[in-house]
Amino acid sequence: MPCRNAQLNEASSAARHRLDRWLWFTRFFKTRTLAAQAVSGGKVHLNGDRVKPAHAVQVGDGIGLMLGGVLAEFTVLGLPDRRGPATEAQQHYSEQPASVERRTRHREAQRLADLSRPRPDSRPDKRDRRRLVRFQRGEG
């Protein structure tokens, strides 16, 4: 009888994942703890709802999460068995076209903002750094 229960548990666990575990397996977060903190902190939504890290994820669910300050929306295509390489992880989700466009526009705006920022020709030497520190402290 114990073998039958173990098989049922394996089958039921294969049909769904915890949200924090799925995010970690698909490499959205470096650790499972970071994934759980993001879900608890409201940075991740499942089907438009704020949920807890242990909430079950199923194939076809929609996941919205903040990546680099921009909302990214994904559809769950599969439930990975392990945290494998990035190419393997990418097979388990697809990004919505609107999300791809939004993130591309944001990335381009960031690039243009970086280009418009003035840059010095060289790094400050020791004397210049001391002057900068005095200026920032309001001493000079």
Protein backbone atom coordinates (compact mmCIF):
# COMPACT_ATOMS: atom_id res chain seq x y z
CA MET A 1 0.00 0.00 0.00
CA PRO A 2 2.77 2.59 0.72
CA CYS A 3 3.99 2.33 -2.87
CA ARG A 4 0.54 3.28 -4.16
CA ASN A 5 0.43 6.39 -1.93
CA ALA A 6 3.92 7.42 -2.99
CA GLN A 7 2.90 7.12 -6.65
CA LEU A 8 -0.20 9.24 -6.04
CA ASN A 9 1.85 11.88 -4.25
CA GLU A 10 4.37 12.00 -7.10
CA ALA A 11 1.59 12.29 -9.69
CA SER A 12 -0.18 15.09 -7.82
CA SER A 13 3.07 16.99 -7.21
CA ALA A 14 3.99 16.66 -10.89
CA ALA A 15 0.67 18.25 -11.93
CA ARG A 16 1.37 21.48 -10.02
CA HIS A 17 4.16 23.49 -8.41
CA ARG A 18 4.43 26.08 -5.69
CA LEU A 19 4.72 29.55 -7.22
CA ASP A 20 8.06 30.35 -5.56
CA ARG A 21 9.47 27.01 -6.66
CA TRP A 22 8.32 27.52 -10.29
CA LEU A 23 9.88 31.01 -10.37
CA TRP A 24 13.15 29.59 -9.08
CA PHE A 25 13.12 26.58 -11.45
CA THR A 26 12.52 28.88 -14.45
CA ARG A 27 15.40 31.12 -13.34
CA PHE A 28 13.50 34.34 -12.72
CA PHE A 29 15.17 34.45 -9.28
CA LYS A 30 18.59 33.29 -8.16
CA THR A 31 17.31 31.63 -4.98
CA ARG A 32 13.99 30.25 -3.86
CA THR A 33 14.10 32.57 -0.87
CA LEU A 34 14.30 35.61 -3.17
CA ALA A 35 11.37 34.25 -5.16
CA ALA A 36 9.30 33.77 -2.01
CA GLN A 37 10.15 37.30 -0.82
CA ALA A 38 9.10 38.78 -4.17
CA VAL A 39 5.79 36.92 -4.08
CA SER A 40 5.16 37.91 -0.45
CA GLY A 41 6.11 41.51 -1.24
CA GLY A 42 3.50 41.81 -4.00
CA LYS A 43 5.99 41.88 -6.90
CA VAL A 44 4.48 38.74 -8.45
CA HIS A 45 0.82 38.18 -9.39
CA LEU A 46 -0.79 34.93 -10.50
CA ASN A 47 -3.72 35.38 -12.90
CA GLY A 48 -3.95 39.02 -11.79
CA ASP A 49 -4.23 38.20 -8.09
CA ARG A 50 -1.75 38.69 -5.30
CA VAL A 51 -1.03 35.25 -3.83
CA LYS A 52 1.23 33.56 -1.31
CA PRO A 53 4.48 31.76 -2.26
CA ALA A 54 2.93 28.31 -1.71
CA HIS A 55 0.07 28.93 -4.15
CA ALA A 56 -0.20 26.23 -6.82
CA VAL A 57 0.87 27.04 -10.39
CA GLN A 58 -0.69 25.12 -13.27
CA VAL A 59 -0.10 25.04 -17.01
CA GLY A 60 -1.94 27.94 -18.65
CA ASP A 61 -1.72 30.32 -15.68
CA GLY A 62 -0.70 33.92 -16.25
CA ILE A 63 2.14 35.33 -14.16
CA GLY A 64 2.97 39.02 -13.89
CA LEU A 65 6.19 40.12 -12.23
CA MET A 66 8.33 43.21 -12.02
CA LEU A 67 11.60 42.83 -13.95
CA GLY A 68 13.87 45.84 -13.83
CA GLY A 69 11.03 48.16 -12.83
CA VAL A 70 8.74 47.07 -15.68
CA LEU A 71 5.78 44.70 -15.50
CA ALA A 72 6.49 41.52 -17.46
CA GLU A 73 3.68 39.07 -18.21
CA PHE A 74 4.23 35.38 -18.86
CA THR A 75 2.12 32.30 -19.57
CA VAL A 76 3.04 29.00 -17.91
CA LEU A 77 3.72 26.38 -20.59
CA GLY A 78 5.13 23.65 -18.38
CA LEU A 79 6.20 22.61 -14.91
CA PRO A 80 9.92 21.81 -14.82
CA ASP A 81 11.22 18.86 -12.82
CA ARG A 82 14.45 20.59 -11.82
CA ARG A 83 16.35 23.86 -12.00
CA GLY A 84 18.24 23.22 -15.21
CA PRO A 85 20.04 25.42 -17.71
CA ALA A 86 18.43 28.65 -18.94
CA THR A 87 17.58 27.18 -22.35
CA GLU A 88 15.66 24.37 -20.65
CA ALA A 89 13.92 26.81 -18.29
CA GLN A 90 12.76 29.05 -21.16
CA GLN A 91 10.74 26.19 -22.63
CA HIS A 92 8.37 26.35 -19.65
CA TYR A 93 7.02 29.88 -20.22
CA SER A 94 6.25 32.39 -22.95
CA GLU A 95 6.15 36.17 -22.66
CA GLN A 96 3.09 38.10 -23.84
CA PRO A 97 3.70 40.29 -26.96
CA ALA A 98 2.57 43.45 -25.15
CA SER A 99 5.02 42.72 -22.36
CA VAL A 100 7.89 42.22 -24.82
CA GLU A 101 7.12 45.57 -26.46
CA ARG A 102 6.82 47.37 -23.11
CA ARG A 103 10.16 45.99 -21.88
CA THR A 104 11.85 46.85 -25.19
CA ARG A 105 10.59 50.46 -25.01
CA HIS A 106 11.79 50.74 -21.40
CA ARG A 107 15.22 49.33 -22.27
CA GLU A 108 15.54 51.81 -25.17
CA ALA A 109 14.52 54.73 -22.94
CA GLN A 110 17.14 53.67 -20.38
CA ARG A 111 19.79 53.48 -23.10
CA LEU A 112 18.92 56.97 -24.38
CA ALA A 113 18.96 58.35 -20.83
CA ASP A 114 22.44 56.89 -20.31
CA LEU A 115 23.66 58.50 -23.54
CA SER A 116 22.37 61.94 -22.55
CA ARG A 117 24.16 61.84 -19.18
CA PRO A 118 27.47 63.74 -19.29
CA ARG A 119 30.55 61.61 -18.68
CA PRO A 120 33.98 62.88 -17.70
CA ASP A 121 36.91 62.09 -19.98
CA SER A 122 38.86 60.41 -17.20
CA ARG A 123 38.51 59.27 -13.62
CA PRO A 124 39.21 61.86 -10.91
CA ASP A 125 42.61 61.64 -9.26
CA LYS A 126 43.15 61.72 -5.52
CA ARG A 127 43.13 65.50 -5.29
CA ASP A 128 39.90 65.78 -7.33
CA ARG A 129 38.20 63.09 -5.22
CA ARG A 130 39.03 65.01 -2.04
CA ARG A 131 37.57 68.16 -3.57
CA LEU A 132 34.41 66.28 -4.54
CA VAL A 133 34.01 64.91 -1.01
CA ARG A 134 34.45 68.38 0.49
CA PHE A 135 31.92 69.80 -1.96
CA GLN A 136 29.36 67.06 -1.23
CA ARG A 137 29.71 67.63 2.50
CA GLY A 138 29.18 71.35 2.00
CA GLU A 139 32.66 72.26 3.25
CA GLY A 140 33.96 73.86 0.13
